[in-house]
Every structure is written in structure tokens, then in C-alpha cells.
Amino acid sequence: MIIIGEKINGAIPSTAKAIAAKDAEFIRNLTRIQAAAGVDYIDVCASVENDVELETMKWLIDIVQSETDIPIAVDSPNEQTCVAAMKYCNKPGLFNSVSMEGNKVDVGFAAIADTDWDCVALLNSDKGIPKTAKDRLDVFADIMAKAKEYNIAPSRLHIDPLVEMLCTSEEGIAVVTEVIREIKSQYPSIHVTGAVSNISFNLPARKTVNMGFTVMAMMAGLDSGILDPTDRDLMGIIYATEALMGEDEFCVEYIRAYRQGIHGPVKK
């Protein structure tokens, strides 16, 4: 599982407060605890007004890179901000994100085409979020046609099937799991990602729902996730599911993560 640490995001109230106050130590601590949890990328999303977004992204990226060399996921709904933020990163990371909305996919794919950057691609378009699996897969086909045009290998893409709130979904996650299975069937080397916590919005005991969803999605083919890596129970579920799926021979990674204190009871 590719873990994309979600905590440096201005949409989170405590992080938004730190960004507004320019509390660098708060951001440093978020970096350190996510790095200690063994993330593959640290997501950086300012979630501020457009006129200060890029300078805020640079401030955040500089702080993160002063603490770790873990690659950064530059995250903004404005693809131009992501493109501009790439130059502040010391190494290739994750472009988050593109879609078939407007010219986002062309802007993003052109920016990463001749680089080692990976990219998140959302399955929405100018028509919004498709309601059916077929419609989402149609958007996926359009994205892959663009990837071919820009010579971007499937293995560099993290496809987001669009995880929505369970409490407003008539079919639960049936659409999402169907889309994941079909994507992995068509392109075995491609990654499928998603914001795990989206599933539990407006529900009590959200962590329980997040863990249940994670297991189901991983069984369908989810192999990348934007999530809270400091949630020890969730991390344990991820390592355990990988072992149960036969992706962790002799449970080596599960045991290693336990010994490193990434999951399991807090050692006193």
C-alpha cells in the first residue's frame, strides 16, 4: 500500500489555524509524525485564498523538506498551483491532481510528461461526478487516452475512483469497488488511490467505517491511499490486510511495522 499522509492540509481545522498563524513548529511536528509512520508521500495542501496559495505552498514545502526527504504530493484544486509548486520540491513527487474537467489533464500531464513525477487522476469531468460505474470508467478511458498521448506509463498514475460519503450513497461502495476492479483488470500496473476518510463524513465512530472501507477497497485493488498515517488502528488494518491477501510473505512487513511502533498498542 502506498501511503500518502494527509495531515498537512488547510481543510483540517487545526492545520488551517497553524497555517494562518504561520506556526512552523506545528507543521514540522506533522511532518515528523507522518515520516515516523513510514509514509511514501507527504501531501501538502494549503487550502487558502488563491492570491496567497502559491506562497503558502512554498512555505509549507520548505518546512516539510527541512525535516525529511520523503517525496511531496503537491495538492491543489488549481492545477496551475500544482505546476508552479513542483519547482519548490527537491525531488520528484506526486501531482495531486488532474481530471477531465476543463483542461486540467492537459496542463498536469504536460507538466509531468518528461519527469519522474507520478500523478493522481480523478474520474470526474465537466459533467461533475459520474453516478454509475460505467460513466466513471468512460472518464477513465479518456484519461488513459491522454496518458498515452503524453507518453505517461500507467504505473505513474494513481486513479481516484471518487470515494463519496457512505451516508448519502444508495448503493454503498458498490460503484467504487466495481470501478477499482475494472481499472486493475485493464491496467495491472496502475495504482488506485482515494481519500479514505471521505467515506465516513457525517457518521459517528468514523474510524470504524474508514477501516471497514479500507479492507473492502484493498480487496478490490486499492493500493494507494490518502489517509491519516498516525491512526495506528487503520495502519494495522492495512498491514494485516496485505498479509491476509498474500502480499506480505511470512508477514515480514506486518511484524516490522509492529516492531517500529507503526501499529499495535502503544509501547510504554
C-alpha atoms as a PDB file:
ATOM      1  CA  MET A   1       0.000   0.000   0.000  1.00  0.00           C
ATOM      2  CA  ILE A   2       1.316   3.429  -0.964  1.00  0.00           C
ATOM      3  CA  ILE A   3       0.601   5.748   1.964  1.00  0.00           C
ATOM      4  CA  ILE A   4       0.021   9.434   1.252  1.00  0.00           C
ATOM      5  CA  GLY A   5      -0.003  11.327   4.551  1.00  0.00           C
ATOM      6  CA  GLU A   6      -2.963  13.716   4.659  1.00  0.00           C
ATOM      7  CA  LYS A   7      -2.332  15.835   7.740  1.00  0.00           C
ATOM      8  CA  ILE A   8      -0.718  18.948   6.200  1.00  0.00           C
ATOM      9  CA  ASN A   9      -3.952  20.183   4.696  1.00  0.00           C
ATOM     10  CA  GLY A  10      -5.600  23.524   5.380  1.00  0.00           C
ATOM     11  CA  ALA A  11      -9.009  21.863   5.172  1.00  0.00           C
ATOM     12  CA  ILE A  12      -8.240  20.350   8.598  1.00  0.00           C
ATOM     13  CA  PRO A  13      -9.181  22.991  11.219  1.00  0.00           C
ATOM     14  CA  SER A  14      -6.085  22.591  13.397  1.00  0.00           C
ATOM     15  CA  THR A  15      -3.785  22.753  10.382  1.00  0.00           C
ATOM     16  CA  ALA A  16      -5.680  25.751   8.984  1.00  0.00           C
ATOM     17  CA  LYS A  17      -5.138  27.557  12.294  1.00  0.00           C
ATOM     18  CA  ALA A  18      -1.409  26.794  12.172  1.00  0.00           C
ATOM     19  CA  ILE A  19      -1.145  27.994   8.572  1.00  0.00           C
ATOM     20  CA  ALA A  20      -2.946  31.240   9.393  1.00  0.00           C
ATOM     21  CA  ALA A  21      -0.641  31.832  12.372  1.00  0.00           C
ATOM     22  CA  LYS A  22       2.465  30.785  10.404  1.00  0.00           C
ATOM     23  CA  ASP A  23       3.142  28.235  13.159  1.00  0.00           C
ATOM     24  CA  ALA A  24       6.127  26.485  11.585  1.00  0.00           C
ATOM     25  CA  GLU A  25       6.696  24.182  14.561  1.00  0.00           C
ATOM     26  CA  PHE A  26       3.181  22.757  14.241  1.00  0.00           C
ATOM     27  CA  ILE A  27       3.876  21.913  10.581  1.00  0.00           C
ATOM     28  CA  ARG A  28       7.269  20.456  11.482  1.00  0.00           C
ATOM     29  CA  ASN A  29       5.628  18.182  14.027  1.00  0.00           C
ATOM     30  CA  LEU A  30       3.034  16.998  11.495  1.00  0.00           C
ATOM     31  CA  THR A  31       5.918  16.218   9.158  1.00  0.00           C
ATOM     32  CA  ARG A  32       7.859  14.296  11.786  1.00  0.00           C
ATOM     33  CA  ILE A  33       4.969  12.132  12.976  1.00  0.00           C
ATOM     34  CA  GLN A  34       3.957  11.226   9.433  1.00  0.00           C
ATOM     35  CA  ALA A  35       7.538  10.413   8.474  1.00  0.00           C
ATOM     36  CA  ALA A  36       7.812   8.205  11.570  1.00  0.00           C
ATOM     37  CA  ALA A  37       4.695   6.334  10.420  1.00  0.00           C
ATOM     38  CA  GLY A  38       6.501   5.344   7.231  1.00  0.00           C
ATOM     39  CA  VAL A  39       4.547   7.312   4.618  1.00  0.00           C
ATOM     40  CA  ASP A  40       5.559   7.212   0.958  1.00  0.00           C
ATOM     41  CA  TYR A  41       4.441  10.791   0.261  1.00  0.00           C
ATOM     42  CA  ILE A  42       3.565  13.782   2.411  1.00  0.00           C
ATOM     43  CA  ASP A  43       0.612  15.639   0.960  1.00  0.00           C
ATOM     44  CA  VAL A  44       0.835  19.433   1.096  1.00  0.00           C
ATOM     45  CA  CYS A  45      -2.414  21.318   0.528  1.00  0.00           C
ATOM     46  CA  ALA A  46      -2.693  24.954   1.610  1.00  0.00           C
ATOM     47  CA  SER A  47      -6.483  25.403   1.218  1.00  0.00           C
ATOM     48  CA  VAL A  48      -6.183  29.183   1.336  1.00  0.00           C
ATOM     49  CA  GLU A  49      -7.293  32.025  -0.931  1.00  0.00           C
ATOM     50  CA  ASN A  50      -5.976  31.900  -4.497  1.00  0.00           C
ATOM     51  CA  ASP A  51      -3.895  35.060  -4.180  1.00  0.00           C
ATOM     52  CA  VAL A  52      -1.752  33.591  -1.382  1.00  0.00           C
ATOM     53  CA  GLU A  53      -1.966  29.894  -2.221  1.00  0.00           C
ATOM     54  CA  LEU A  54       1.352  29.509  -4.023  1.00  0.00           C
ATOM     55  CA  GLU A  55       3.404  31.422  -1.459  1.00  0.00           C
ATOM     56  CA  THR A  56       1.730  29.381   1.291  1.00  0.00           C
ATOM     57  CA  MET A  57       2.522  26.159  -0.564  1.00  0.00           C
ATOM     58  CA  LYS A  58       6.183  27.204  -0.813  1.00  0.00           C
ATOM     59  CA  TRP A  59       6.275  27.974   2.911  1.00  0.00           C
ATOM     60  CA  LEU A  60       4.805  24.564   3.742  1.00  0.00           C
ATOM     61  CA  ILE A  61       7.050  22.676   1.300  1.00  0.00           C
ATOM     62  CA  ASP A  62      10.168  24.364   2.674  1.00  0.00           C
ATOM     63  CA  ILE A  63       9.238  23.333   6.220  1.00  0.00           C
ATOM     64  CA  VAL A  64       8.497  19.741   5.220  1.00  0.00           C
ATOM     65  CA  GLN A  65      11.773  19.441   3.316  1.00  0.00           C
ATOM     66  CA  SER A  66      13.713  20.814   6.290  1.00  0.00           C
ATOM     67  CA  GLU A  67      12.524  17.778   8.273  1.00  0.00           C
ATOM     68  CA  THR A  68      12.503  14.889   5.778  1.00  0.00           C
ATOM     69  CA  ASP A  69      13.426  13.838   2.259  1.00  0.00           C
ATOM     70  CA  ILE A  70      10.165  11.926   1.763  1.00  0.00           C
ATOM     71  CA  PRO A  71       8.634  12.998  -1.578  1.00  0.00           C
ATOM     72  CA  ILE A  72       5.884  15.600  -1.505  1.00  0.00           C
ATOM     73  CA  ALA A  73       2.418  15.406  -3.036  1.00  0.00           C
ATOM     74  CA  VAL A  74       1.629  18.915  -4.273  1.00  0.00           C
ATOM     75  CA  ASP A  75      -2.108  19.187  -3.733  1.00  0.00           C
ATOM     76  CA  SER A  76      -4.487  21.860  -5.006  1.00  0.00           C
ATOM     77  CA  PRO A  77      -7.775  22.047  -6.918  1.00  0.00           C
ATOM     78  CA  ASN A  78      -5.921  24.580  -9.094  1.00  0.00           C
ATOM     79  CA  GLU A  79      -3.684  22.584 -11.435  1.00  0.00           C
ATOM     80  CA  GLN A  80      -1.611  25.694 -12.182  1.00  0.00           C
ATOM     81  CA  THR A  81      -0.694  25.917  -8.488  1.00  0.00           C
ATOM     82  CA  CYS A  82       0.478  22.304  -8.573  1.00  0.00           C
ATOM     83  CA  VAL A  83       2.608  23.016 -11.642  1.00  0.00           C
ATOM     84  CA  ALA A  84       4.185  26.077 -10.020  1.00  0.00           C
ATOM     85  CA  ALA A  85       4.757  24.259  -6.708  1.00  0.00           C
ATOM     86  CA  MET A  86       6.704  21.467  -8.409  1.00  0.00           C
ATOM     87  CA  LYS A  87       9.762  23.691  -8.738  1.00  0.00           C
ATOM     88  CA  TYR A  88       9.978  24.088  -4.951  1.00  0.00           C
ATOM     89  CA  CYS A  89      10.344  20.337  -4.423  1.00  0.00           C
ATOM     90  CA  ASN A  90      13.809  18.830  -4.066  1.00  0.00           C
ATOM     91  CA  LYS A  91      12.825  15.589  -5.779  1.00  0.00           C
ATOM     92  CA  PRO A  92      10.002  14.202  -7.929  1.00  0.00           C
ATOM     93  CA  GLY A  93       6.805  13.555  -6.015  1.00  0.00           C
ATOM     94  CA  LEU A  94       3.089  13.255  -6.672  1.00  0.00           C
ATOM     95  CA  PHE A  95       1.000  15.752  -8.678  1.00  0.00           C
ATOM     96  CA  ASN A  96      -2.408  15.899  -6.955  1.00  0.00           C
ATOM     97  CA  SER A  97      -4.390  16.131  -9.155  1.00  0.00           C
ATOM     98  CA  VAL A  98      -5.808  16.144 -12.683  1.00  0.00           C
ATOM     99  CA  SER A  99      -9.208  15.218 -14.102  1.00  0.00           C
ATOM    100  CA  MET A 100     -11.181  15.526 -17.328  1.00  0.00           C
ATOM    101  CA  GLU A 101     -12.607  18.804 -16.063  1.00  0.00           C
ATOM    102  CA  GLY A 102     -11.660  21.671 -18.396  1.00  0.00           C
ATOM    103  CA  ASN A 103      -8.015  21.394 -19.479  1.00  0.00           C
ATOM    104  CA  LYS A 104      -6.716  20.081 -16.156  1.00  0.00           C
ATOM    105  CA  VAL A 105      -5.450  16.800 -17.582  1.00  0.00           C
ATOM    106  CA  ASP A 106      -3.562  18.521 -20.375  1.00  0.00           C
ATOM    107  CA  VAL A 107      -1.951  21.033 -18.018  1.00  0.00           C
ATOM    108  CA  GLY A 108      -0.952  18.376 -15.487  1.00  0.00           C
ATOM    109  CA  PHE A 109       0.206  15.718 -17.923  1.00  0.00           C
ATOM    110  CA  ALA A 110       2.228  18.256 -19.925  1.00  0.00           C
ATOM    111  CA  ALA A 111       3.972  19.319 -16.703  1.00  0.00           C
ATOM    112  CA  ILE A 112       4.962  15.804 -15.636  1.00  0.00           C
ATOM    113  CA  ALA A 113       5.388  14.112 -19.025  1.00  0.00           C
ATOM    114  CA  ASP A 114       9.189  14.249 -19.215  1.00  0.00           C
ATOM    115  CA  THR A 115       9.794  13.920 -15.469  1.00  0.00           C
ATOM    116  CA  ASP A 116       9.748  11.210 -12.808  1.00  0.00           C
ATOM    117  CA  TRP A 117       6.649  12.644 -11.127  1.00  0.00           C
ATOM    118  CA  ASP A 118       3.589  10.457 -10.517  1.00  0.00           C
ATOM    119  CA  CYS A 119       0.073  11.847 -10.775  1.00  0.00           C
ATOM    120  CA  VAL A 120      -3.342  11.442  -9.159  1.00  0.00           C
ATOM    121  CA  ALA A 121      -6.204  11.444 -11.671  1.00  0.00           C
ATOM    122  CA  LEU A 122      -9.826  11.908 -10.568  1.00  0.00           C
ATOM    123  CA  LEU A 123     -12.631  10.265 -12.513  1.00  0.00           C
ATOM    124  CA  ASN A 124     -14.732  13.389 -12.915  1.00  0.00           C
ATOM    125  CA  SER A 125     -15.302  15.670 -15.902  1.00  0.00           C
ATOM    126  CA  ASP A 126     -17.135  18.824 -16.899  1.00  0.00           C
ATOM    127  CA  LYS A 127     -20.342  16.913 -16.148  1.00  0.00           C
ATOM    128  CA  GLY A 128     -19.305  16.510 -12.495  1.00  0.00           C
ATOM    129  CA  ILE A 129     -19.010  13.245 -10.593  1.00  0.00           C
ATOM    130  CA  PRO A 130     -20.402  10.349 -12.648  1.00  0.00           C
ATOM    131  CA  LYS A 131     -23.095   8.411 -10.835  1.00  0.00           C
ATOM    132  CA  THR A 132     -22.558   4.993 -12.417  1.00  0.00           C
ATOM    133  CA  ALA A 133     -19.557   2.709 -12.702  1.00  0.00           C
ATOM    134  CA  LYS A 134     -19.861   2.767 -16.493  1.00  0.00           C
ATOM    135  CA  ASP A 135     -19.746   6.545 -16.628  1.00  0.00           C
ATOM    136  CA  ARG A 136     -16.696   6.668 -14.339  1.00  0.00           C
ATOM    137  CA  LEU A 137     -14.961   4.077 -16.488  1.00  0.00           C
ATOM    138  CA  ASP A 138     -15.726   6.174 -19.567  1.00  0.00           C
ATOM    139  CA  VAL A 139     -13.872   9.065 -17.911  1.00  0.00           C
ATOM    140  CA  PHE A 140     -11.068   6.647 -17.042  1.00  0.00           C
ATOM    141  CA  ALA A 141     -10.781   5.672 -20.719  1.00  0.00           C
ATOM    142  CA  ASP A 142     -10.449   9.353 -21.646  1.00  0.00           C
ATOM    143  CA  ILE A 143      -7.710   9.838 -19.039  1.00  0.00           C
ATOM    144  CA  MET A 144      -5.771   6.832 -20.308  1.00  0.00           C
ATOM    145  CA  ALA A 145      -6.027   8.130 -23.883  1.00  0.00           C
ATOM    146  CA  LYS A 146      -4.459  11.363 -22.653  1.00  0.00           C
ATOM    147  CA  ALA A 147      -1.766   9.431 -20.767  1.00  0.00           C
ATOM    148  CA  LYS A 148      -0.869   7.641 -23.983  1.00  0.00           C
ATOM    149  CA  GLU A 149      -0.771  10.953 -25.840  1.00  0.00           C
ATOM    150  CA  TYR A 150       1.737  12.330 -23.303  1.00  0.00           C
ATOM    151  CA  ASN A 151       3.646   9.027 -23.070  1.00  0.00           C
ATOM    152  CA  ILE A 152       2.905   8.605 -19.359  1.00  0.00           C
ATOM    153  CA  ALA A 153       3.113   4.974 -18.224  1.00  0.00           C
ATOM    154  CA  PRO A 154       0.128   3.553 -16.301  1.00  0.00           C
ATOM    155  CA  SER A 155       2.441   2.764 -13.375  1.00  0.00           C
ATOM    156  CA  ARG A 156       2.888   6.518 -12.808  1.00  0.00           C
ATOM    157  CA  LEU A 157      -0.829   7.107 -12.333  1.00  0.00           C
ATOM    158  CA  HIS A 158      -2.911   6.917  -9.160  1.00  0.00           C
ATOM    159  CA  ILE A 159      -6.533   6.759 -10.271  1.00  0.00           C
ATOM    160  CA  ASP A 160      -9.073   8.109  -7.782  1.00  0.00           C
ATOM    161  CA  PRO A 161     -12.458   6.407  -8.364  1.00  0.00           C
ATOM    162  CA  LEU A 162     -14.080   9.146  -6.225  1.00  0.00           C
ATOM    163  CA  VAL A 163     -14.867   7.984  -2.713  1.00  0.00           C
ATOM    164  CA  GLU A 164     -18.077   9.665  -1.556  1.00  0.00           C
ATOM    165  CA  MET A 165     -19.991   9.777   1.721  1.00  0.00           C
ATOM    166  CA  LEU A 166     -21.479   6.405   2.614  1.00  0.00           C
ATOM    167  CA  CYS A 167     -24.457   8.011   4.349  1.00  0.00           C
ATOM    168  CA  THR A 168     -25.691   9.599   1.110  1.00  0.00           C
ATOM    169  CA  SER A 169     -24.936   6.665  -1.173  1.00  0.00           C
ATOM    170  CA  GLU A 170     -27.806   4.399  -2.176  1.00  0.00           C
ATOM    171  CA  GLU A 171     -25.502   1.561  -3.201  1.00  0.00           C
ATOM    172  CA  GLY A 172     -22.836   1.832  -0.541  1.00  0.00           C
ATOM    173  CA  ILE A 173     -19.450   1.422  -2.169  1.00  0.00           C
ATOM    174  CA  ALA A 174     -20.580  -0.993  -4.888  1.00  0.00           C
ATOM    175  CA  VAL A 175     -19.838   1.538  -7.624  1.00  0.00           C
ATOM    176  CA  VAL A 176     -16.373   2.307  -6.254  1.00  0.00           C
ATOM    177  CA  THR A 177     -15.346  -1.322  -5.861  1.00  0.00           C
ATOM    178  CA  GLU A 178     -16.637  -2.198  -9.339  1.00  0.00           C
ATOM    179  CA  VAL A 179     -14.625   0.663 -10.812  1.00  0.00           C
ATOM    180  CA  ILE A 180     -11.489  -0.351  -8.907  1.00  0.00           C
ATOM    181  CA  ARG A 181     -11.697  -3.960 -10.068  1.00  0.00           C
ATOM    182  CA  GLU A 182     -12.177  -2.978 -13.700  1.00  0.00           C
ATOM    183  CA  ILE A 183      -9.319  -0.471 -13.638  1.00  0.00           C
ATOM    184  CA  LYS A 184      -6.919  -3.039 -12.199  1.00  0.00           C
ATOM    185  CA  SER A 185      -8.159  -5.626 -14.684  1.00  0.00           C
ATOM    186  CA  GLN A 186      -7.391  -3.340 -17.618  1.00  0.00           C
ATOM    187  CA  TYR A 187      -4.076  -2.000 -16.283  1.00  0.00           C
ATOM    188  CA  PRO A 188      -2.485  -4.252 -13.622  1.00  0.00           C
ATOM    189  CA  SER A 189       0.443  -1.851 -13.106  1.00  0.00           C
ATOM    190  CA  ILE A 190      -1.721   1.199 -12.454  1.00  0.00           C
ATOM    191  CA  HIS A 191      -2.348   2.456  -8.911  1.00  0.00           C
ATOM    192  CA  VAL A 192      -5.781   3.126  -7.450  1.00  0.00           C
ATOM    193  CA  THR A 193      -5.985   5.679  -4.662  1.00  0.00           C
ATOM    194  CA  GLY A 194      -8.552   7.666  -2.720  1.00  0.00           C
ATOM    195  CA  ALA A 195      -9.208   9.810   0.331  1.00  0.00           C
ATOM    196  CA  VAL A 196     -10.138   7.073   2.784  1.00  0.00           C
ATOM    197  CA  SER A 197     -11.852   9.364   5.301  1.00  0.00           C
ATOM    198  CA  ASN A 198     -14.342  10.667   2.716  1.00  0.00           C
ATOM    199  CA  ILE A 199     -16.402   7.523   3.178  1.00  0.00           C
ATOM    200  CA  SER A 200     -17.309   8.328   6.791  1.00  0.00           C
ATOM    201  CA  PHE A 201     -18.314  12.006   6.639  1.00  0.00           C
ATOM    202  CA  ASN A 202     -21.345  12.766   8.845  1.00  0.00           C
ATOM    203  CA  LEU A 203     -21.255   9.351  10.535  1.00  0.00           C
ATOM    204  CA  PRO A 204     -20.479   8.542  14.187  1.00  0.00           C
ATOM    205  CA  ALA A 205     -17.416   6.468  15.050  1.00  0.00           C
ATOM    206  CA  ARG A 206     -15.833   7.447  11.743  1.00  0.00           C
ATOM    207  CA  LYS A 207     -12.656   5.428  12.239  1.00  0.00           C
ATOM    208  CA  THR A 208     -14.651   2.198  12.284  1.00  0.00           C
ATOM    209  CA  VAL A 209     -16.205   2.996   8.905  1.00  0.00           C
ATOM    210  CA  ASN A 210     -12.826   4.053   7.482  1.00  0.00           C
ATOM    211  CA  MET A 211     -11.274   0.731   8.464  1.00  0.00           C
ATOM    212  CA  GLY A 212     -14.134  -1.327   7.041  1.00  0.00           C
ATOM    213  CA  PHE A 213     -13.956   0.578   3.770  1.00  0.00           C
ATOM    214  CA  THR A 214     -10.184   0.212   3.556  1.00  0.00           C
ATOM    215  CA  VAL A 215     -10.364  -3.584   3.781  1.00  0.00           C
ATOM    216  CA  MET A 216     -13.105  -3.803   1.136  1.00  0.00           C
ATOM    217  CA  ALA A 217     -11.328  -1.393  -1.198  1.00  0.00           C
ATOM    218  CA  MET A 218      -7.981  -3.159  -0.827  1.00  0.00           C
ATOM    219  CA  MET A 219      -9.640  -6.465  -1.649  1.00  0.00           C
ATOM    220  CA  ALA A 220     -10.955  -4.835  -4.832  1.00  0.00           C
ATOM    221  CA  GLY A 221      -7.494  -3.500  -5.756  1.00  0.00           C
ATOM    222  CA  LEU A 222      -6.895  -0.241  -3.885  1.00  0.00           C
ATOM    223  CA  ASP A 223      -3.121   0.003  -3.443  1.00  0.00           C
ATOM    224  CA  SER A 224      -2.665   3.700  -2.613  1.00  0.00           C
ATOM    225  CA  GLY A 225      -4.438   5.882  -0.090  1.00  0.00           C
ATOM    226  CA  ILE A 226      -4.621   9.451   1.178  1.00  0.00           C
ATOM    227  CA  LEU A 227      -5.086   8.952   4.890  1.00  0.00           C
ATOM    228  CA  ASP A 228      -4.008   9.692   8.447  1.00  0.00           C
ATOM    229  CA  PRO A 229      -0.863   7.585   8.966  1.00  0.00           C
ATOM    230  CA  THR A 230      -0.880   8.319  12.697  1.00  0.00           C
ATOM    231  CA  ASP A 231      -4.090   6.303  13.073  1.00  0.00           C
ATOM    232  CA  ARG A 232      -2.463   3.172  14.462  1.00  0.00           C
ATOM    233  CA  ASP A 233      -5.585   1.037  14.114  1.00  0.00           C
ATOM    234  CA  LEU A 234      -6.004   1.971  10.454  1.00  0.00           C
ATOM    235  CA  MET A 235      -2.346   1.311   9.739  1.00  0.00           C
ATOM    236  CA  GLY A 236      -2.625  -2.063  11.451  1.00  0.00           C
ATOM    237  CA  ILE A 237      -5.632  -2.925   9.307  1.00  0.00           C
ATOM    238  CA  ILE A 238      -3.679  -2.045   6.172  1.00  0.00           C
ATOM    239  CA  TYR A 239      -0.679  -4.204   7.090  1.00  0.00           C
ATOM    240  CA  ALA A 240      -2.930  -7.056   8.226  1.00  0.00           C
ATOM    241  CA  THR A 241      -4.995  -6.945   5.024  1.00  0.00           C
ATOM    242  CA  GLU A 242      -1.863  -7.050   2.885  1.00  0.00           C
ATOM    243  CA  ALA A 243      -0.708 -10.126   4.790  1.00  0.00           C
ATOM    244  CA  LEU A 244      -4.123 -11.793   4.504  1.00  0.00           C
ATOM    245  CA  MET A 245      -4.148 -11.126   0.749  1.00  0.00           C
ATOM    246  CA  GLY A 246      -0.812 -12.931   0.377  1.00  0.00           C
ATOM    247  CA  GLU A 247       1.098  -9.732  -0.396  1.00  0.00           C
ATOM    248  CA  ASP A 248       3.358  -9.916   2.658  1.00  0.00           C
ATOM    249  CA  GLU A 249       5.298 -13.189   2.656  1.00  0.00           C
ATOM    250  CA  PHE A 250       5.667 -14.646   6.133  1.00  0.00           C
ATOM    251  CA  CYS A 251       4.096 -11.409   7.475  1.00  0.00           C
ATOM    252  CA  VAL A 252       7.517  -9.747   7.405  1.00  0.00           C
ATOM    253  CA  GLU A 253       6.193  -6.218   6.807  1.00  0.00           C
ATOM    254  CA  TYR A 254       3.390  -6.610   9.350  1.00  0.00           C
ATOM    255  CA  ILE A 255       5.908  -7.641  12.011  1.00  0.00           C
ATOM    256  CA  ARG A 256       8.405  -4.950  11.009  1.00  0.00           C
ATOM    257  CA  ALA A 257       5.772  -2.214  11.267  1.00  0.00           C
ATOM    258  CA  TYR A 258       4.689  -3.554  14.673  1.00  0.00           C
ATOM    259  CA  ARG A 259       8.271  -3.507  15.958  1.00  0.00           C
ATOM    260  CA  GLN A 260       8.672   0.049  14.679  1.00  0.00           C
ATOM    261  CA  GLY A 261       5.575   1.111  16.588  1.00  0.00           C
ATOM    262  CA  ILE A 262       3.524   1.977  13.495  1.00  0.00           C
ATOM    263  CA  HIS A 263       0.603  -0.160  14.666  1.00  0.00           C
ATOM    264  CA  GLY A 264      -0.420  -2.149  17.708  1.00  0.00           C
ATOM    265  CA  PRO A 265      -0.640  -0.997  21.333  1.00  0.00           C
ATOM    266  CA  VAL A 266       1.476   1.999  22.268  1.00  0.00           C
ATOM    267  CA  LYS A 267       4.625   0.688  23.875  1.00  0.00           C
ATOM    268  CA  LYS A 268       5.307   2.165  27.299  1.00  0.00           C
END
